[in-house]
PDB file of all heavy atoms in Angstrom:
ATOM      1  N   GLU A   1      -3.302  37.645  -3.275  1.00  0.00           N
ATOM      2  CA  GLU A   1      -3.440  39.091  -3.344  1.00  0.00           C
ATOM      3  C   GLU A   1      -4.859  39.506  -2.937  1.00  0.00           C
ATOM      4  O   GLU A   1      -5.043  40.500  -2.198  1.00  0.00           O
ATOM      5  CB  GLU A   1      -3.153  39.572  -4.761  1.00  0.00           C
ATOM      6  CG  GLU A   1      -3.258  41.083  -4.945  1.00  0.00           C
ATOM      7  CD  GLU A   1      -3.130  41.508  -6.391  1.00  0.00           C
ATOM      8  OE1 GLU A   1      -3.438  40.694  -7.279  1.00  0.00           O
ATOM      9  OE2 GLU A   1      -2.759  42.675  -6.627  1.00  0.00           O
ATOM     10  N   THR A   2      -5.847  38.755  -3.384  1.00  0.00           N
ATOM     11  CA  THR A   2      -7.234  39.061  -3.034  1.00  0.00           C
ATOM     12  C   THR A   2      -7.476  38.926  -1.530  1.00  0.00           C
ATOM     13  O   THR A   2      -8.122  39.782  -0.903  1.00  0.00           O
ATOM     14  CB  THR A   2      -8.187  38.134  -3.800  1.00  0.00           C
ATOM     15  OG1 THR A   2      -8.000  38.314  -5.209  1.00  0.00           O
ATOM     16  CG2 THR A   2      -9.637  38.434  -3.443  1.00  0.00           C
ATOM     17  N   ARG A   3      -6.921  37.862  -0.958  1.00  0.00           N
ATOM     18  CA  ARG A   3      -7.085  37.662   0.484  1.00  0.00           C
ATOM     19  C   ARG A   3      -6.380  38.766   1.257  1.00  0.00           C
ATOM     20  O   ARG A   3      -6.905  39.289   2.260  1.00  0.00           O
ATOM     21  CB  ARG A   3      -6.520  36.300   0.900  1.00  0.00           C
ATOM     22  CG  ARG A   3      -7.396  35.127   0.509  1.00  0.00           C
ATOM     23  CD  ARG A   3      -6.975  33.853   1.208  1.00  0.00           C
ATOM     24  NE  ARG A   3      -5.625  33.425   0.818  1.00  0.00           N
ATOM     25  CZ  ARG A   3      -5.363  32.640  -0.228  1.00  0.00           C
ATOM     26  NH1 ARG A   3      -6.349  32.199  -1.002  1.00  0.00           N
ATOM     27  NH2 ARG A   3      -4.122  32.293  -0.515  1.00  0.00           N
ATOM     28  N   ALA A   4      -5.164  39.127   0.811  1.00  0.00           N
ATOM     29  CA  ALA A   4      -4.415  40.187   1.484  1.00  0.00           C
ATOM     30  C   ALA A   4      -5.171  41.517   1.399  1.00  0.00           C
ATOM     31  O   ALA A   4      -5.187  42.295   2.368  1.00  0.00           O
ATOM     32  CB  ALA A   4      -3.024  40.330   0.859  1.00  0.00           C
ATOM     33  N   LYS A   5      -5.804  41.740   0.229  1.00  0.00           N
ATOM     34  CA  LYS A   5      -6.585  42.974   0.074  1.00  0.00           C
ATOM     35  C   LYS A   5      -7.802  42.960   1.015  1.00  0.00           C
ATOM     36  O   LYS A   5      -8.147  43.986   1.622  1.00  0.00           O
ATOM     37  CB  LYS A   5      -7.064  43.073  -1.370  1.00  0.00           C
ATOM     38  CG  LYS A   5      -7.897  44.316  -1.672  1.00  0.00           C
ATOM     39  CD  LYS A   5      -7.091  45.596  -1.515  1.00  0.00           C
ATOM     40  CE  LYS A   5      -7.760  46.798  -2.134  1.00  0.00           C
ATOM     41  NZ  LYS A   5      -9.092  47.072  -1.583  1.00  0.00           N
ATOM     42  N   ARG A   6      -8.413  41.809   1.185  1.00  0.00           N
ATOM     43  CA  ARG A   6      -9.552  41.710   2.071  1.00  0.00           C
ATOM     44  C   ARG A   6      -9.143  41.953   3.526  1.00  0.00           C
ATOM     45  O   ARG A   6      -9.834  42.653   4.269  1.00  0.00           O
ATOM     46  CB  ARG A   6     -10.202  40.341   1.928  1.00  0.00           C
ATOM     47  CG  ARG A   6     -11.511  40.200   2.709  1.00  0.00           C
ATOM     48  CD  ARG A   6     -12.318  38.989   2.287  1.00  0.00           C
ATOM     49  NE  ARG A   6     -11.538  37.751   2.344  1.00  0.00           N
ATOM     50  CZ  ARG A   6     -11.159  37.057   1.263  1.00  0.00           C
ATOM     51  NH1 ARG A   6     -11.469  37.484   0.061  1.00  0.00           N
ATOM     52  NH2 ARG A   6     -10.482  35.954   1.388  1.00  0.00           N
ATOM     53  N   VAL A   7      -8.011  41.389   3.938  1.00  0.00           N
ATOM     54  CA  VAL A   7      -7.504  41.610   5.299  1.00  0.00           C
ATOM     55  C   VAL A   7      -7.179  43.088   5.510  1.00  0.00           C
ATOM     56  O   VAL A   7      -7.479  43.667   6.562  1.00  0.00           O
ATOM     57  CB  VAL A   7      -6.245  40.751   5.549  1.00  0.00           C
ATOM     58  CG1 VAL A   7      -5.569  41.146   6.868  1.00  0.00           C
ATOM     59  CG2 VAL A   7      -6.603  39.280   5.565  1.00  0.00           C
ATOM     60  N   LEU A   8      -6.583  43.709   4.477  1.00  0.00           N
ATOM     61  CA  LEU A   8      -6.247  45.117   4.570  1.00  0.00           C
ATOM     62  C   LEU A   8      -7.515  45.970   4.688  1.00  0.00           C
ATOM     63  O   LEU A   8      -7.582  46.888   5.532  1.00  0.00           O
ATOM     64  CB  LEU A   8      -5.460  45.551   3.327  1.00  0.00           C
ATOM     65  CG  LEU A   8      -5.099  47.036   3.213  1.00  0.00           C
ATOM     66  CD1 LEU A   8      -4.238  47.476   4.387  1.00  0.00           C
ATOM     67  CD2 LEU A   8      -4.400  47.325   1.888  1.00  0.00           C
ATOM     68  N   ASP A   9      -8.526  45.662   3.871  1.00  0.00           N
ATOM     69  CA  ASP A   9      -9.778  46.418   3.936  1.00  0.00           C
ATOM     70  C   ASP A   9     -10.448  46.237   5.303  1.00  0.00           C
ATOM     71  O   ASP A   9     -11.016  47.197   5.854  1.00  0.00           O
ATOM     72  CB  ASP A   9     -10.723  45.946   2.818  1.00  0.00           C
ATOM     73  CG  ASP A   9     -10.233  46.385   1.448  1.00  0.00           C
ATOM     74  OD1 ASP A   9      -9.400  47.293   1.369  1.00  0.00           O
ATOM     75  OD2 ASP A   9     -10.694  45.785   0.445  1.00  0.00           O
ATOM     76  N   ASP A  10     -10.397  45.010   5.833  1.00  0.00           N
ATOM     77  CA  ASP A  10     -10.986  44.761   7.162  1.00  0.00           C
ATOM     78  C   ASP A  10     -10.260  45.560   8.228  1.00  0.00           C
ATOM     79  O   ASP A  10     -10.895  46.129   9.145  1.00  0.00           O
ATOM     80  CB  ASP A  10     -10.937  43.272   7.495  1.00  0.00           C
ATOM     81  CG  ASP A  10     -11.905  42.457   6.637  1.00  0.00           C
ATOM     82  OD1 ASP A  10     -12.797  43.060   6.019  1.00  0.00           O
ATOM     83  OD2 ASP A  10     -11.744  41.220   6.581  1.00  0.00           O
ATOM     84  N   ALA A  11      -8.921  45.607   8.102  1.00  0.00           N
ATOM     85  CA  ALA A  11      -8.130  46.346   9.095  1.00  0.00           C
ATOM     86  C   ALA A  11      -8.452  47.839   9.018  1.00  0.00           C
ATOM     87  O   ALA A  11      -8.619  48.521  10.044  1.00  0.00           O
ATOM     88  CB  ALA A  11      -6.646  46.110   8.864  1.00  0.00           C
ATOM     89  N   LYS A  12      -8.577  48.369   7.812  1.00  0.00           N
ATOM     90  CA  LYS A  12      -8.923  49.784   7.634  1.00  0.00           C
ATOM     91  C   LYS A  12     -10.328  50.064   8.202  1.00  0.00           C
ATOM     92  O   LYS A  12     -10.540  51.083   8.893  1.00  0.00           O
ATOM     93  CB  LYS A  12      -8.890  50.161   6.165  1.00  0.00           C
ATOM     94  CG  LYS A  12      -7.495  50.250   5.573  1.00  0.00           C
ATOM     95  CD  LYS A  12      -7.569  50.634   4.106  1.00  0.00           C
ATOM     96  CE  LYS A  12      -6.179  50.788   3.504  1.00  0.00           C
ATOM     97  NZ  LYS A  12      -6.217  51.164   2.064  1.00  0.00           N
ATOM     98  N   ALA A  13     -11.225  49.151   7.902  1.00  0.00           N
ATOM     99  CA  ALA A  13     -12.593  49.325   8.401  1.00  0.00           C
ATOM    100  C   ALA A  13     -12.624  49.274   9.923  1.00  0.00           C
ATOM    101  O   ALA A  13     -13.362  50.055  10.585  1.00  0.00           O
ATOM    102  CB  ALA A  13     -13.496  48.250   7.811  1.00  0.00           C
ATOM    103  N   GLY A  14     -11.820  48.387  10.523  1.00  0.00           N
ATOM    104  CA  GLY A  14     -11.775  48.275  11.981  1.00  0.00           C
ATOM    105  C   GLY A  14     -11.230  49.535  12.622  1.00  0.00           C
ATOM    106  O   GLY A  14     -11.747  50.016  13.640  1.00  0.00           O
ATOM    107  N   VAL A  15     -10.155  50.093  12.031  1.00  0.00           N
ATOM    108  CA  VAL A  15      -9.561  51.325  12.555  1.00  0.00           C
ATOM    109  C   VAL A  15     -10.587  52.445  12.512  1.00  0.00           C
ATOM    110  O   VAL A  15     -10.782  53.202  13.475  1.00  0.00           O
ATOM    111  CB  VAL A  15      -8.291  51.706  11.764  1.00  0.00           C
ATOM    112  CG1 VAL A  15      -7.837  53.113  12.122  1.00  0.00           C
ATOM    113  CG2 VAL A  15      -7.184  50.701  12.033  1.00  0.00           C
ATOM    114  N   LYS A  16     -11.261  52.559  11.365  1.00  0.00           N
ATOM    115  CA  LYS A  16     -12.266  53.613  11.213  1.00  0.00           C
ATOM    116  C   LYS A  16     -13.435  53.409  12.190  1.00  0.00           C
ATOM    117  O   LYS A  16     -13.977  54.360  12.790  1.00  0.00           O
ATOM    118  CB  LYS A  16     -12.781  53.641   9.771  1.00  0.00           C
ATOM    119  CG  LYS A  16     -13.714  54.829   9.496  1.00  0.00           C
ATOM    120  CD  LYS A  16     -14.128  54.864   8.051  1.00  0.00           C
ATOM    121  CE  LYS A  16     -14.962  56.109   7.763  1.00  0.00           C
ATOM    122  NZ  LYS A  16     -16.110  56.313   8.650  1.00  0.00           N
ATOM    123  N   LYS A  17     -13.812  52.151  12.346  1.00  0.00           N
ATOM    124  CA  LYS A  17     -14.933  51.838  13.235  1.00  0.00           C
ATOM    125  C   LYS A  17     -14.675  52.313  14.673  1.00  0.00           C
ATOM    126  O   LYS A  17     -15.490  53.005  15.281  1.00  0.00           O
ATOM    127  CB  LYS A  17     -15.193  50.336  13.211  1.00  0.00           C
ATOM    128  CG  LYS A  17     -16.208  49.863  14.251  1.00  0.00           C
ATOM    129  CD  LYS A  17     -16.296  48.338  14.241  1.00  0.00           C
ATOM    130  CE  LYS A  17     -17.195  47.830  15.356  1.00  0.00           C
ATOM    131  NZ  LYS A  17     -17.259  46.360  15.403  1.00  0.00           N
ATOM    132  N   TYR A  18     -13.468  51.946  15.186  1.00  0.00           N
ATOM    133  CA  TYR A  18     -13.201  52.302  16.587  1.00  0.00           C
ATOM    134  C   TYR A  18     -12.863  53.780  16.737  1.00  0.00           C
ATOM    135  O   TYR A  18     -13.064  54.374  17.802  1.00  0.00           O
ATOM    136  CB  TYR A  18     -12.106  51.418  17.153  1.00  0.00           C
ATOM    137  CG  TYR A  18     -12.622  50.022  17.441  1.00  0.00           C
ATOM    138  CD1 TYR A  18     -12.370  48.965  16.576  1.00  0.00           C
ATOM    139  CD2 TYR A  18     -13.393  49.772  18.576  1.00  0.00           C
ATOM    140  CE1 TYR A  18     -12.874  47.698  16.816  1.00  0.00           C
ATOM    141  CE2 TYR A  18     -13.906  48.512  18.834  1.00  0.00           C
ATOM    142  CZ  TYR A  18     -13.637  47.474  17.950  1.00  0.00           C
ATOM    143  OH  TYR A  18     -14.165  46.238  18.199  1.00  0.00           O
ATOM    144  N   GLU A  19     -12.386  54.397  15.673  1.00  0.00           N
ATOM    145  CA  GLU A  19     -12.170  55.840  15.714  1.00  0.00           C
ATOM    146  C   GLU A  19     -13.526  56.551  15.807  1.00  0.00           C
ATOM    147  O   GLU A  19     -13.709  57.500  16.601  1.00  0.00           O
ATOM    148  CB  GLU A  19     -11.413  56.316  14.481  1.00  0.00           C
ATOM    149  CG  GLU A  19     -11.111  57.811  14.496  1.00  0.00           C
ATOM    150  CD  GLU A  19     -10.314  58.274  13.265  1.00  0.00           C
ATOM    151  OE1 GLU A  19      -9.944  57.404  12.442  1.00  0.00           O
ATOM    152  OE2 GLU A  19     -10.061  59.478  13.154  1.00  0.00           O
ATOM    153  N   ASP A  20     -14.490  56.069  15.018  1.00  0.00           N
ATOM    154  CA  ASP A  20     -15.844  56.646  15.059  1.00  0.00           C
ATOM    155  C   ASP A  20     -16.498  56.425  16.429  1.00  0.00           C
ATOM    156  O   ASP A  20     -17.167  57.313  16.981  1.00  0.00           O
ATOM    157  CB  ASP A  20     -16.714  56.049  13.946  1.00  0.00           C
ATOM    158  CG  ASP A  20     -16.274  56.506  12.550  1.00  0.00           C
ATOM    159  OD1 ASP A  20     -15.550  57.504  12.463  1.00  0.00           O
ATOM    160  OD2 ASP A  20     -16.656  55.834  11.569  1.00  0.00           O
ATOM    161  N   LEU A  21     -16.309  55.241  16.985  1.00  0.00           N
ATOM    162  CA  LEU A  21     -16.873  54.940  18.303  1.00  0.00           C
ATOM    163  C   LEU A  21     -16.266  55.818  19.393  1.00  0.00           C
ATOM    164  O   LEU A  21     -16.977  56.289  20.323  1.00  0.00           O
ATOM    165  CB  LEU A  21     -16.677  53.466  18.651  1.00  0.00           C
ATOM    166  CG  LEU A  21     -17.523  52.464  17.857  1.00  0.00           C
ATOM    167  CD1 LEU A  21     -17.134  51.041  18.176  1.00  0.00           C
ATOM    168  CD2 LEU A  21     -19.021  52.673  18.167  1.00  0.00           C
ATOM    169  N   ALA A  22     -14.955  56.062  19.290  1.00  0.00           N
ATOM    170  CA  ALA A  22     -14.275  56.913  20.276  1.00  0.00           C
ATOM    171  C   ALA A  22     -14.839  58.331  20.203  1.00  0.00           C
ATOM    172  O   ALA A  22     -15.068  58.992  21.240  1.00  0.00           O
ATOM    173  CB  ALA A  22     -12.775  56.895  20.035  1.00  0.00           C
ATOM    174  N   LYS A  23     -15.082  58.793  19.000  1.00  0.00           N
ATOM    175  CA  LYS A  23     -15.660  60.132  18.818  1.00  0.00           C
ATOM    176  C   LYS A  23     -17.074  60.202  19.429  1.00  0.00           C
ATOM    177  O   LYS A  23     -17.424  61.164  20.106  1.00  0.00           O
ATOM    178  CB  LYS A  23     -15.715  60.485  17.335  1.00  0.00           C
ATOM    179  CG  LYS A  23     -14.366  60.734  16.702  1.00  0.00           C
ATOM    180  CD  LYS A  23     -14.518  61.040  15.220  1.00  0.00           C
ATOM    181  CE  LYS A  23     -13.169  61.296  14.570  1.00  0.00           C
ATOM    182  NZ  LYS A  23     -13.295  61.578  13.129  1.00  0.00           N
ATOM    183  N   LYS A  24     -17.842  59.191  19.171  1.00  0.00           N
ATOM    184  CA  LYS A  24     -19.209  59.158  19.707  1.00  0.00           C
ATOM    185  C   LYS A  24     -19.197  59.114  21.250  1.00  0.00           C
ATOM    186  O   LYS A  24     -20.031  59.768  21.914  1.00  0.00           O
ATOM    187  CB  LYS A  24     -19.968  57.956  19.169  1.00  0.00           C
ATOM    188  CG  LYS A  24     -20.335  58.080  17.693  1.00  0.00           C
ATOM    189  CD  LYS A  24     -21.088  56.826  17.217  1.00  0.00           C
ATOM    190  CE  LYS A  24     -21.460  56.957  15.741  1.00  0.00           C
ATOM    191  NZ  LYS A  24     -22.206  55.776  15.262  1.00  0.00           N
ATOM    192  N   ALA A  25     -18.241  58.345  21.786  1.00  0.00           N
ATOM    193  CA  ALA A  25     -18.147  58.241  23.252  1.00  0.00           C
ATOM    194  C   ALA A  25     -17.777  59.591  23.861  1.00  0.00           C
ATOM    195  O   ALA A  25     -18.312  60.003  24.901  1.00  0.00           O
ATOM    196  CB  ALA A  25     -17.131  57.174  23.644  1.00  0.00           C
ATOM    197  N   LEU A  26     -16.859  60.301  23.209  1.00  0.00           N
ATOM    198  CA  LEU A  26     -16.464  61.633  23.698  1.00  0.00           C
ATOM    199  C   LEU A  26     -17.642  62.588  23.613  1.00  0.00           C
ATOM    200  O   LEU A  26     -17.861  63.408  24.525  1.00  0.00           O
ATOM    201  CB  LEU A  26     -15.280  62.153  22.897  1.00  0.00           C
ATOM    202  CG  LEU A  26     -13.912  61.500  23.188  1.00  0.00           C
ATOM    203  CD1 LEU A  26     -12.855  62.019  22.217  1.00  0.00           C
ATOM    204  CD2 LEU A  26     -13.481  61.765  24.642  1.00  0.00           C
ATOM    205  N   LEU A  27     -18.366  62.532  22.473  1.00  0.00           N
ATOM    206  CA  LEU A  27     -19.521  63.427  22.340  1.00  0.00           C
ATOM    207  C   LEU A  27     -20.601  63.121  23.381  1.00  0.00           C
ATOM    208  O   LEU A  27     -21.352  64.007  23.795  1.00  0.00           O
ATOM    209  CB  LEU A  27     -20.108  63.286  20.926  1.00  0.00           C
ATOM    210  CG  LEU A  27     -19.238  63.851  19.790  1.00  0.00           C
ATOM    211  CD1 LEU A  27     -19.849  63.498  18.447  1.00  0.00           C
ATOM    212  CD2 LEU A  27     -19.082  65.365  19.940  1.00  0.00           C
ATOM    213  N   ALA A  28     -20.636  61.858  23.807  1.00  0.00           N
ATOM    214  CA  ALA A  28     -21.616  61.468  24.817  1.00  0.00           C
ATOM    215  C   ALA A  28     -21.105  61.733  26.235  1.00  0.00           C
ATOM    216  O   ALA A  28     -21.802  61.474  27.210  1.00  0.00           O
ATOM    217  CB  ALA A  28     -21.976  60.005  24.647  1.00  0.00           C
ATOM    218  N   GLY A  29     -19.858  62.232  26.324  1.00  0.00           N
ATOM    219  CA  GLY A  29     -19.270  62.509  27.628  1.00  0.00           C
ATOM    220  C   GLY A  29     -18.718  61.304  28.328  1.00  0.00           C
ATOM    221  O   GLY A  29     -18.433  61.344  29.536  1.00  0.00           O
ATOM    222  N   ASN A  30     -18.505  60.206  27.592  1.00  0.00           N
ATOM    223  CA  ASN A  30     -17.948  58.980  28.168  1.00  0.00           C
ATOM    224  C   ASN A  30     -16.479  58.837  27.771  1.00  0.00           C
ATOM    225  O   ASN A  30     -16.114  58.101  26.855  1.00  0.00           O
ATOM    226  CB  ASN A  30     -18.734  57.749  27.719  1.00  0.00           C
ATOM    227  CG  ASN A  30     -20.176  57.784  28.188  1.00  0.00           C
ATOM    228  OD1 ASN A  30     -20.431  58.192  29.320  1.00  0.00           O
ATOM    229  ND2 ASN A  30     -21.096  57.374  27.326  1.00  0.00           N
ATOM    230  N   GLU A  31     -15.622  59.541  28.443  1.00  0.00           N
ATOM    231  CA  GLU A  31     -14.177  59.525  28.127  1.00  0.00           C
ATOM    232  C   GLU A  31     -13.565  58.153  28.369  1.00  0.00           C
ATOM    233  O   GLU A  31     -12.670  57.713  27.638  1.00  0.00           O
ATOM    234  CB  GLU A  31     -13.464  60.579  28.981  1.00  0.00           C
ATOM    235  CG  GLU A  31     -12.009  60.740  28.607  1.00  0.00           C
ATOM    236  CD  GLU A  31     -11.344  61.886  29.351  1.00  0.00           C
ATOM    237  OE1 GLU A  31     -12.023  62.861  29.693  1.00  0.00           O
ATOM    238  OE2 GLU A  31     -10.103  61.791  29.515  1.00  0.00           O
ATOM    239  N   GLY A  32     -14.045  57.444  29.404  1.00  0.00           N
ATOM    240  CA  GLY A  32     -13.518  56.099  29.683  1.00  0.00           C
ATOM    241  C   GLY A  32     -13.780  55.162  28.524  1.00  0.00           C
ATOM    242  O   GLY A  32     -12.891  54.383  28.118  1.00  0.00           O
ATOM    243  N   ASP A  33     -15.024  55.233  27.999  1.00  0.00           N
ATOM    244  CA  ASP A  33     -15.335  54.392  26.835  1.00  0.00           C
ATOM    245  C   ASP A  33     -14.487  54.795  25.635  1.00  0.00           C
ATOM    246  O   ASP A  33     -14.033  53.947  24.856  1.00  0.00           O
ATOM    247  CB  ASP A  33     -16.817  54.528  26.490  1.00  0.00           C
ATOM    248  CG  ASP A  33     -17.726  53.901  27.551  1.00  0.00           C
ATOM    249  OD1 ASP A  33     -17.204  53.111  28.369  1.00  0.00           O
ATOM    250  OD2 ASP A  33     -18.916  54.203  27.542  1.00  0.00           O
ATOM    251  N   ALA A  34     -14.266  56.098  25.511  1.00  0.00           N
ATOM    252  CA  ALA A  34     -13.454  56.589  24.405  1.00  0.00           C
ATOM    253  C   ALA A  34     -12.032  56.027  24.480  1.00  0.00           C
ATOM    254  O   ALA A  34     -11.428  55.678  23.467  1.00  0.00           O
ATOM    255  CB  ALA A  34     -13.435  58.103  24.401  1.00  0.00           C
ATOM    256  N   ARG A  35     -11.498  55.949  25.690  1.00  0.00           N
ATOM    257  CA  ARG A  35     -10.138  55.396  25.854  1.00  0.00           C
ATOM    258  C   ARG A  35     -10.091  53.918  25.413  1.00  0.00           C
ATOM    259  O   ARG A  35      -9.120  53.487  24.767  1.00  0.00           O
ATOM    260  CB  ARG A  35      -9.724  55.493  27.314  1.00  0.00           C
ATOM    261  CG  ARG A  35      -9.383  56.902  27.769  1.00  0.00           C
ATOM    262  CD  ARG A  35      -8.994  56.928  29.248  1.00  0.00           C
ATOM    263  NE  ARG A  35      -8.631  58.243  29.668  1.00  0.00           N
ATOM    264  CZ  ARG A  35      -7.388  58.772  29.534  1.00  0.00           C
ATOM    265  NH1 ARG A  35      -6.444  58.057  28.948  1.00  0.00           N
ATOM    266  NH2 ARG A  35      -7.151  59.998  29.959  1.00  0.00           N
TER     267      ARG A  35
END
């Protein structure tokens, strides 16, 4: 259960990370990077 929770937290963190990066790329005018 602990390992599964850690994998889940990592997956959530990864989704948030790339969502934040996509936003930053758009704000910087880099739509290709955002994609």
